[in-house]
Amino acid sequence: MAAIDKNLGKTIANHLRIGQEAKANEQLTIFIDNITNTLTEKTLLEKPQLTALFAEMLDAQQKRDFLRLADIIQYQLLKEFKK
């Protein structure tokens, strides 16, 4: 799988944890674009957990549960790109 900017993911998680939602959301857009540009349909079929993580991220964002969103990004999503 292609490289993802893990530092950006950690930065977003940190912004979310300290209440800088606007800054985090700006960077999250860039981060998600980066991810979607590197993923292929084959990757998503081989790794259905990514689709589940994206759904969890969306749910957390809609509920404004920014700590959960930060944890998903830092501790689950980034680990998927280490594999």
PDB file of N, CA and C in Angstrom:
ATOM      1  N   MET A   1       0.849  -1.176   0.000  1.00  0.00           N
ATOM      2  CA  MET A   1       0.000   0.000   0.000  1.00  0.00           C
ATOM      3  C   MET A   1       0.891   1.234   0.000  1.00  0.00           C
ATOM      4  N   ALA A   2       0.451   2.284  -0.649  1.00  0.00           N
ATOM      5  CA  ALA A   2       1.231   3.509  -0.760  1.00  0.00           C
ATOM      6  C   ALA A   2       1.404   4.182   0.597  1.00  0.00           C
ATOM      7  N   ALA A   3       2.410   5.034   0.643  1.00  0.00           N
ATOM      8  CA  ALA A   3       2.714   5.737   1.895  1.00  0.00           C
ATOM      9  C   ALA A   3       1.681   6.825   2.172  1.00  0.00           C
ATOM     10  N   ILE A   4       1.350   6.948   3.427  1.00  0.00           N
ATOM     11  CA  ILE A   4       0.436   7.982   3.903  1.00  0.00           C
ATOM     12  C   ILE A   4       1.237   8.867   4.852  1.00  0.00           C
ATOM     13  N   ASP A   5       0.944  10.152   4.860  1.00  0.00           N
ATOM     14  CA  ASP A   5       1.645  11.086   5.746  1.00  0.00           C
ATOM     15  C   ASP A   5       1.168  10.864   7.185  1.00  0.00           C
ATOM     16  N   LYS A   6       1.879   9.992   7.884  1.00  0.00           N
ATOM     17  CA  LYS A   6       1.503   9.642   9.259  1.00  0.00           C
ATOM     18  C   LYS A   6       1.655  10.832  10.206  1.00  0.00           C
ATOM     19  N   ASN A   7       2.617  11.704   9.917  1.00  0.00           N
ATOM     20  CA  ASN A   7       2.790  12.894  10.758  1.00  0.00           C
ATOM     21  C   ASN A   7       1.567  13.798  10.678  1.00  0.00           C
ATOM     22  N   LEU A   8       0.989  13.914   9.489  1.00  0.00           N
ATOM     23  CA  LEU A   8      -0.219  14.720   9.348  1.00  0.00           C
ATOM     24  C   LEU A   8      -1.356  14.092  10.144  1.00  0.00           C
ATOM     25  N   GLY A   9      -1.471  12.776  10.099  1.00  0.00           N
ATOM     26  CA  GLY A   9      -2.495  12.091  10.884  1.00  0.00           C
ATOM     27  C   GLY A   9      -2.344  12.351  12.372  1.00  0.00           C
ATOM     28  N   LYS A  10      -1.114  12.298  12.855  1.00  0.00           N
ATOM     29  CA  LYS A  10      -0.860  12.561  14.283  1.00  0.00           C
ATOM     30  C   LYS A  10      -1.138  14.022  14.629  1.00  0.00           C
ATOM     31  N   THR A  11      -0.792  14.923  13.725  1.00  0.00           N
ATOM     32  CA  THR A  11      -1.052  16.343  13.945  1.00  0.00           C
ATOM     33  C   THR A  11      -2.551  16.601  14.039  1.00  0.00           C
ATOM     34  N   ILE A  12      -3.319  15.987  13.158  1.00  0.00           N
ATOM     35  CA  ILE A  12      -4.776  16.136  13.186  1.00  0.00           C
ATOM     36  C   ILE A  12      -5.322  15.629  14.515  1.00  0.00           C
ATOM     37  N   ALA A  13      -4.865  14.461  14.936  1.00  0.00           N
ATOM     38  CA  ALA A  13      -5.321  13.893  16.209  1.00  0.00           C
ATOM     39  C   ALA A  13      -4.998  14.835  17.367  1.00  0.00           C
ATOM     40  N   ASN A  14      -3.814  15.418  17.355  1.00  0.00           N
ATOM     41  CA  ASN A  14      -3.439  16.359  18.419  1.00  0.00           C
ATOM     42  C   ASN A  14      -4.321  17.600  18.413  1.00  0.00           C
ATOM     43  N   HIS A  15      -4.603  18.149  17.217  1.00  0.00           N
ATOM     44  CA  HIS A  15      -5.491  19.316  17.123  1.00  0.00           C
ATOM     45  C   HIS A  15      -6.876  18.982  17.667  1.00  0.00           C
ATOM     46  N   LEU A  16      -7.367  17.806  17.353  1.00  0.00           N
ATOM     47  CA  LEU A  16      -8.688  17.406  17.845  1.00  0.00           C
ATOM     48  C   LEU A  16      -8.690  17.302  19.365  1.00  0.00           C
ATOM     49  N   ARG A  17      -7.626  16.766  19.917  1.00  0.00           N
ATOM     50  CA  ARG A  17      -7.562  16.568  21.375  1.00  0.00           C
ATOM     51  C   ARG A  17      -7.482  17.883  22.154  1.00  0.00           C
ATOM     52  N   ILE A  18      -6.921  18.911  21.548  1.00  0.00           N
ATOM     53  CA  ILE A  18      -6.806  20.179  22.268  1.00  0.00           C
ATOM     54  C   ILE A  18      -7.891  21.183  21.868  1.00  0.00           C
ATOM     55  N   GLY A  19      -8.876  20.699  21.120  1.00  0.00           N
ATOM     56  CA  GLY A  19     -10.031  21.530  20.817  1.00  0.00           C
ATOM     57  C   GLY A  19      -9.897  22.439  19.615  1.00  0.00           C
ATOM     58  N   GLN A  20      -8.927  22.204  18.785  1.00  0.00           N
ATOM     59  CA  GLN A  20      -8.761  23.013  17.570  1.00  0.00           C
ATOM     60  C   GLN A  20      -9.440  22.316  16.391  1.00  0.00           C
ATOM     61  N   GLU A  21     -10.779  22.210  16.487  1.00  0.00           N
ATOM     62  CA  GLU A  21     -11.537  21.456  15.496  1.00  0.00           C
ATOM     63  C   GLU A  21     -11.426  22.043  14.092  1.00  0.00           C
ATOM     64  N   ALA A  22     -11.476  23.370  13.977  1.00  0.00           N
ATOM     65  CA  ALA A  22     -11.416  24.001  12.652  1.00  0.00           C
ATOM     66  C   ALA A  22     -10.107  23.655  11.943  1.00  0.00           C
ATOM     67  N   LYS A  23      -9.010  23.796  12.652  1.00  0.00           N
ATOM     68  CA  LYS A  23      -7.701  23.485  12.071  1.00  0.00           C
ATOM     69  C   LYS A  23      -7.609  21.991  11.730  1.00  0.00           C
ATOM     70  N   ALA A  24      -8.099  21.158  12.627  1.00  0.00           N
ATOM     71  CA  ALA A  24      -8.073  19.715  12.396  1.00  0.00           C
ATOM     72  C   ALA A  24      -8.909  19.343  11.179  1.00  0.00           C
ATOM     73  N   ASN A  25     -10.080  19.952  11.043  1.00  0.00           N
ATOM     74  CA  ASN A  25     -10.955  19.631   9.915  1.00  0.00           C
ATOM     75  C   ASN A  25     -10.354  20.060   8.587  1.00  0.00           C
ATOM     76  N   GLU A  26      -9.660  21.202   8.574  1.00  0.00           N
ATOM     77  CA  GLU A  26      -8.959  21.630   7.365  1.00  0.00           C
ATOM     78  C   GLU A  26      -7.943  20.586   6.937  1.00  0.00           C
ATOM     79  N   GLN A  27      -7.139  20.156   7.906  1.00  0.00           N
ATOM     80  CA  GLN A  27      -6.087  19.182   7.613  1.00  0.00           C
ATOM     81  C   GLN A  27      -6.665  17.798   7.343  1.00  0.00           C
ATOM     82  N   LEU A  28      -7.793  17.487   7.965  1.00  0.00           N
ATOM     83  CA  LEU A  28      -8.422  16.186   7.751  1.00  0.00           C
ATOM     84  C   LEU A  28      -8.859  16.034   6.300  1.00  0.00           C
ATOM     85  N   THR A  29      -9.330  17.115   5.710  1.00  0.00           N
ATOM     86  CA  THR A  29      -9.722  17.083   4.301  1.00  0.00           C
ATOM     87  C   THR A  29      -8.532  16.707   3.428  1.00  0.00           C
ATOM     88  N   ILE A  30      -7.405  17.315   3.684  1.00  0.00           N
ATOM     89  CA  ILE A  30      -6.181  17.012   2.925  1.00  0.00           C
ATOM     90  C   ILE A  30      -5.757  15.560   3.159  1.00  0.00           C
ATOM     91  N   PHE A  31      -5.816  15.137   4.411  1.00  0.00           N
ATOM     92  CA  PHE A  31      -5.414  13.779   4.795  1.00  0.00           C
ATOM     93  C   PHE A  31      -6.299  12.733   4.102  1.00  0.00           C
ATOM     94  N   ILE A  32      -7.604  12.952   4.131  1.00  0.00           N
ATOM     95  CA  ILE A  32      -8.532  12.003   3.499  1.00  0.00           C
ATOM     96  C   ILE A  32      -8.330  11.992   1.986  1.00  0.00           C
ATOM     97  N   ASP A  33      -8.122  13.156   1.383  1.00  0.00           N
ATOM     98  CA  ASP A  33      -7.834  13.205  -0.052  1.00  0.00           C
ATOM     99  C   ASP A  33      -6.582  12.400  -0.374  1.00  0.00           C
ATOM    100  N   ASN A  34      -5.557  12.537   0.450  1.00  0.00           N
ATOM    101  CA  ASN A  34      -4.304  11.799   0.267  1.00  0.00           C
ATOM    102  C   ASN A  34      -4.574  10.296   0.332  1.00  0.00           C
ATOM    103  N   ILE A  35      -5.368   9.887   1.309  1.00  0.00           N
ATOM    104  CA  ILE A  35      -5.683   8.469   1.462  1.00  0.00           C
ATOM    105  C   ILE A  35      -6.468   7.954   0.269  1.00  0.00           C
ATOM    106  N   THR A  36      -7.515   8.676  -0.115  1.00  0.00           N
ATOM    107  CA  THR A  36      -8.360   8.189  -1.215  1.00  0.00           C
ATOM    108  C   THR A  36      -7.603   8.160  -2.537  1.00  0.00           C
ATOM    109  N   ASN A  37      -6.642   9.056  -2.705  1.00  0.00           N
ATOM    110  CA  ASN A  37      -5.838   9.037  -3.931  1.00  0.00           C
ATOM    111  C   ASN A  37      -4.890   7.847  -3.979  1.00  0.00           C
ATOM    112  N   THR A  38      -4.533   7.284  -2.827  1.00  0.00           N
ATOM    113  CA  THR A  38      -3.606   6.164  -2.813  1.00  0.00           C
ATOM    114  C   THR A  38      -4.322   4.809  -2.804  1.00  0.00           C
ATOM    115  N   LEU A  39      -5.580   4.811  -2.381  1.00  0.00           N
ATOM    116  CA  LEU A  39      -6.307   3.542  -2.307  1.00  0.00           C
ATOM    117  C   LEU A  39      -6.877   3.159  -3.655  1.00  0.00           C
ATOM    118  N   THR A  40      -6.927   1.879  -3.880  1.00  0.00           N
ATOM    119  CA  THR A  40      -7.580   1.364  -5.068  1.00  0.00           C
ATOM    120  C   THR A  40      -8.792   0.551  -4.631  1.00  0.00           C
ATOM    121  N   GLU A  41      -9.649   0.272  -5.572  1.00  0.00           N
ATOM    122  CA  GLU A  41     -10.808  -0.554  -5.253  1.00  0.00           C
ATOM    123  C   GLU A  41     -10.354  -1.922  -4.746  1.00  0.00           C
ATOM    124  N   LYS A  42      -9.266  -2.435  -5.328  1.00  0.00           N
ATOM    125  CA  LYS A  42      -8.724  -3.722  -4.900  1.00  0.00           C
ATOM    126  C   LYS A  42      -8.296  -3.673  -3.435  1.00  0.00           C
ATOM    127  N   THR A  43      -7.640  -2.588  -3.044  1.00  0.00           N
ATOM    128  CA  THR A  43      -7.200  -2.434  -1.660  1.00  0.00           C
ATOM    129  C   THR A  43      -8.397  -2.473  -0.724  1.00  0.00           C
ATOM    130  N   LEU A  44      -9.451  -1.755  -1.081  1.00  0.00           N
ATOM    131  CA  LEU A  44     -10.644  -1.729  -0.231  1.00  0.00           C
ATOM    132  C   LEU A  44     -11.295  -3.098  -0.136  1.00  0.00           C
ATOM    133  N   LEU A  45     -11.258  -3.850  -1.228  1.00  0.00           N
ATOM    134  CA  LEU A  45     -11.822  -5.207  -1.191  1.00  0.00           C
ATOM    135  C   LEU A  45     -10.967  -6.129  -0.327  1.00  0.00           C
ATOM    136  N   GLU A  46      -9.658  -5.941  -0.378  1.00  0.00           N
ATOM    137  CA  GLU A  46      -8.750  -6.776   0.407  1.00  0.00           C
ATOM    138  C   GLU A  46      -8.706  -6.381   1.875  1.00  0.00           C
ATOM    139  N   LYS A  47      -9.063  -5.144   2.170  1.00  0.00           N
ATOM    140  CA  LYS A  47      -8.991  -4.627   3.540  1.00  0.00           C
ATOM    141  C   LYS A  47     -10.319  -3.958   3.921  1.00  0.00           C
ATOM    142  N   PRO A  48     -11.355  -4.760   4.116  1.00  0.00           N
ATOM    143  CA  PRO A  48     -12.666  -4.174   4.443  1.00  0.00           C
ATOM    144  C   PRO A  48     -12.656  -3.400   5.756  1.00  0.00           C
ATOM    145  N   GLN A  49     -11.653  -3.633   6.601  1.00  0.00           N
ATOM    146  CA  GLN A  49     -11.571  -2.890   7.856  1.00  0.00           C
ATOM    147  C   GLN A  49     -11.353  -1.395   7.601  1.00  0.00           C
ATOM    148  N   LEU A  50     -10.768  -1.036   6.458  1.00  0.00           N
ATOM    149  CA  LEU A  50     -10.603   0.377   6.133  1.00  0.00           C
ATOM    150  C   LEU A  50     -11.955   1.046   5.930  1.00  0.00           C
ATOM    151  N   THR A  51     -12.827   0.372   5.214  1.00  0.00           N
ATOM    152  CA  THR A  51     -14.172   0.911   4.998  1.00  0.00           C
ATOM    153  C   THR A  51     -14.885   1.082   6.335  1.00  0.00           C
ATOM    154  N   ALA A  52     -14.729   0.110   7.215  1.00  0.00           N
ATOM    155  CA  ALA A  52     -15.344   0.194   8.543  1.00  0.00           C
ATOM    156  C   ALA A  52     -14.758   1.360   9.342  1.00  0.00           C
ATOM    157  N   LEU A  53     -13.450   1.579   9.242  1.00  0.00           N
ATOM    158  CA  LEU A  53     -12.831   2.696   9.950  1.00  0.00           C
ATOM    159  C   LEU A  53     -13.324   4.042   9.426  1.00  0.00           C
ATOM    160  N   PHE A  54     -13.477   4.148   8.109  1.00  0.00           N
ATOM    161  CA  PHE A  54     -13.995   5.390   7.539  1.00  0.00           C
ATOM    162  C   PHE A  54     -15.409   5.655   8.037  1.00  0.00           C
ATOM    163  N   ALA A  55     -16.215   4.607   8.158  1.00  0.00           N
ATOM    164  CA  ALA A  55     -17.577   4.755   8.679  1.00  0.00           C
ATOM    165  C   ALA A  55     -17.540   5.201  10.139  1.00  0.00           C
ATOM    166  N   GLU A  56     -16.635   4.633  10.918  1.00  0.00           N
ATOM    167  CA  GLU A  56     -16.492   5.036  12.327  1.00  0.00           C
ATOM    168  C   GLU A  56     -16.041   6.491  12.434  1.00  0.00           C
ATOM    169  N   MET A  57     -15.120   6.898  11.561  1.00  0.00           N
ATOM    170  CA  MET A  57     -14.655   8.273  11.571  1.00  0.00           C
ATOM    171  C   MET A  57     -15.792   9.237  11.258  1.00  0.00           C
ATOM    172  N   LEU A  58     -16.582   8.897  10.263  1.00  0.00           N
ATOM    173  CA  LEU A  58     -17.716   9.735   9.896  1.00  0.00           C
ATOM    174  C   LEU A  58     -18.711   9.839  11.045  1.00  0.00           C
ATOM    175  N   ASP A  59     -18.996   8.711  11.686  1.00  0.00           N
ATOM    176  CA  ASP A  59     -19.919   8.694  12.817  1.00  0.00           C
ATOM    177  C   ASP A  59     -19.395   9.578  13.954  1.00  0.00           C
ATOM    178  N   ALA A  60     -18.124   9.458  14.267  1.00  0.00           N
ATOM    179  CA  ALA A  60     -17.528  10.266  15.339  1.00  0.00           C
ATOM    180  C   ALA A  60     -17.586  11.748  14.992  1.00  0.00           C
ATOM    181  N   GLN A  61     -17.307  12.074  13.731  1.00  0.00           N
ATOM    182  CA  GLN A  61     -17.325  13.476  13.326  1.00  0.00           C
ATOM    183  C   GLN A  61     -18.750  14.035  13.379  1.00  0.00           C
ATOM    184  N   GLN A  62     -19.719  13.264  12.929  1.00  0.00           N
ATOM    185  CA  GLN A  62     -21.108  13.723  12.958  1.00  0.00           C
ATOM    186  C   GLN A  62     -21.605  13.936  14.392  1.00  0.00           C
ATOM    187  N   LYS A  63     -21.122  13.124  15.306  1.00  0.00           N
ATOM    188  CA  LYS A  63     -21.519  13.244  16.715  1.00  0.00           C
ATOM    189  C   LYS A  63     -20.646  14.241  17.470  1.00  0.00           C
ATOM    190  N   ARG A  64     -19.691  14.853  16.751  1.00  0.00           N
ATOM    191  CA  ARG A  64     -18.755  15.815  17.344  1.00  0.00           C
ATOM    192  C   ARG A  64     -17.967  15.184  18.498  1.00  0.00           C
ATOM    193  N   ASP A  65     -17.682  13.900  18.354  1.00  0.00           N
ATOM    194  CA  ASP A  65     -16.879  13.165  19.336  1.00  0.00           C
ATOM    195  C   ASP A  65     -15.433  13.192  18.844  1.00  0.00           C
ATOM    196  N   PHE A  66     -14.792  14.332  19.068  1.00  0.00           N
ATOM    197  CA  PHE A  66     -13.473  14.556  18.488  1.00  0.00           C
ATOM    198  C   PHE A  66     -12.377  13.726  19.138  1.00  0.00           C
ATOM    199  N   LEU A  67     -12.548  13.368  20.386  1.00  0.00           N
ATOM    200  CA  LEU A  67     -11.551  12.485  21.018  1.00  0.00           C
ATOM    201  C   LEU A  67     -11.597  11.101  20.390  1.00  0.00           C
ATOM    202  N   ARG A  68     -12.793  10.609  20.143  1.00  0.00           N
ATOM    203  CA  ARG A  68     -12.928   9.304  19.473  1.00  0.00           C
ATOM    204  C   ARG A  68     -12.341   9.371  18.068  1.00  0.00           C
ATOM    205  N   LEU A  69     -12.640  10.448  17.349  1.00  0.00           N
ATOM    206  CA  LEU A  69     -12.100  10.617  16.004  1.00  0.00           C
ATOM    207  C   LEU A  69     -10.574  10.638  16.041  1.00  0.00           C
ATOM    208  N   ALA A  70     -10.006  11.357  16.998  1.00  0.00           N
ATOM    209  CA  ALA A  70      -8.543  11.415  17.141  1.00  0.00           C
ATOM    210  C   ALA A  70      -7.973  10.017  17.395  1.00  0.00           C
ATOM    211  N   ASP A  71      -8.612   9.271  18.272  1.00  0.00           N
ATOM    212  CA  ASP A  71      -8.139   7.914  18.575  1.00  0.00           C
ATOM    213  C   ASP A  71      -8.224   6.998  17.363  1.00  0.00           C
ATOM    214  N   ILE A  72      -9.306   7.097  16.618  1.00  0.00           N
ATOM    215  CA  ILE A  72      -9.455   6.262  15.414  1.00  0.00           C
ATOM    216  C   ILE A  72      -8.341   6.567  14.430  1.00  0.00           C
ATOM    217  N   ILE A  73      -8.085   7.849  14.203  1.00  0.00           N
ATOM    218  CA  ILE A  73      -7.034   8.238  13.251  1.00  0.00           C
ATOM    219  C   ILE A  73      -5.677   7.741  13.725  1.00  0.00           C
ATOM    220  N   GLN A  74      -5.330   8.071  14.958  1.00  0.00           N
ATOM    221  CA  GLN A  74      -3.972   7.790  15.430  1.00  0.00           C
ATOM    222  C   GLN A  74      -3.722   6.319  15.733  1.00  0.00           C
ATOM    223  N   TYR A  75      -4.682   5.654  16.339  1.00  0.00           N
ATOM    224  CA  TYR A  75      -4.414   4.297  16.829  1.00  0.00           C
ATOM    225  C   TYR A  75      -4.969   3.180  15.953  1.00  0.00           C
ATOM    226  N   GLN A  76      -5.853   3.504  15.027  1.00  0.00           N
ATOM    227  CA  GLN A  76      -6.397   2.452  14.175  1.00  0.00           C
ATOM    228  C   GLN A  76      -6.070   2.682  12.703  1.00  0.00           C
ATOM    229  N   LEU A  77      -6.429   3.862  12.182  1.00  0.00           N
ATOM    230  CA  LEU A  77      -6.238   4.113  10.766  1.00  0.00           C
ATOM    231  C   LEU A  77      -4.760   4.101  10.384  1.00  0.00           C
ATOM    232  N   LEU A  78      -3.933   4.819  11.124  1.00  0.00           N
ATOM    233  CA  LEU A  78      -2.511   4.860  10.771  1.00  0.00           C
ATOM    234  C   LEU A  78      -1.865   3.489  10.835  1.00  0.00           C
ATOM    235  N   LYS A  79      -2.314   2.643  11.744  1.00  0.00           N
ATOM    236  CA  LYS A  79      -1.760   1.285  11.841  1.00  0.00           C
ATOM    237  C   LYS A  79      -2.083   0.461  10.599  1.00  0.00           C
ATOM    238  N   GLU A  80      -3.229   0.725   9.999  1.00  0.00           N
ATOM    239  CA  GLU A  80      -3.592  -0.003   8.781  1.00  0.00           C
ATOM    240  C   GLU A  80      -2.613   0.278   7.648  1.00  0.00           C
ATOM    241  N   PHE A  81      -2.002   1.442   7.665  1.00  0.00           N
ATOM    242  CA  PHE A  81      -1.066   1.802   6.600  1.00  0.00           C
ATOM    243  C   PHE A  81       0.361   1.387   6.917  1.00  0.00           C
ATOM    244  N   LYS A  82       0.584   0.826   8.087  1.00  0.00           N
ATOM    245  CA  LYS A  82       1.898   0.258   8.408  1.00  0.00           C
ATOM    246  C   LYS A  82       2.003  -1.155   7.888  1.00  0.00           C
ATOM    247  N   LYS A  83       0.862  -1.794   7.651  1.00  0.00           N
ATOM    248  CA  LYS A  83       0.827  -3.208   7.244  1.00  0.00           C
ATOM    249  C   LYS A  83       1.250  -3.362   5.808  1.00  0.00           C
TER     250      LYS A  83
END
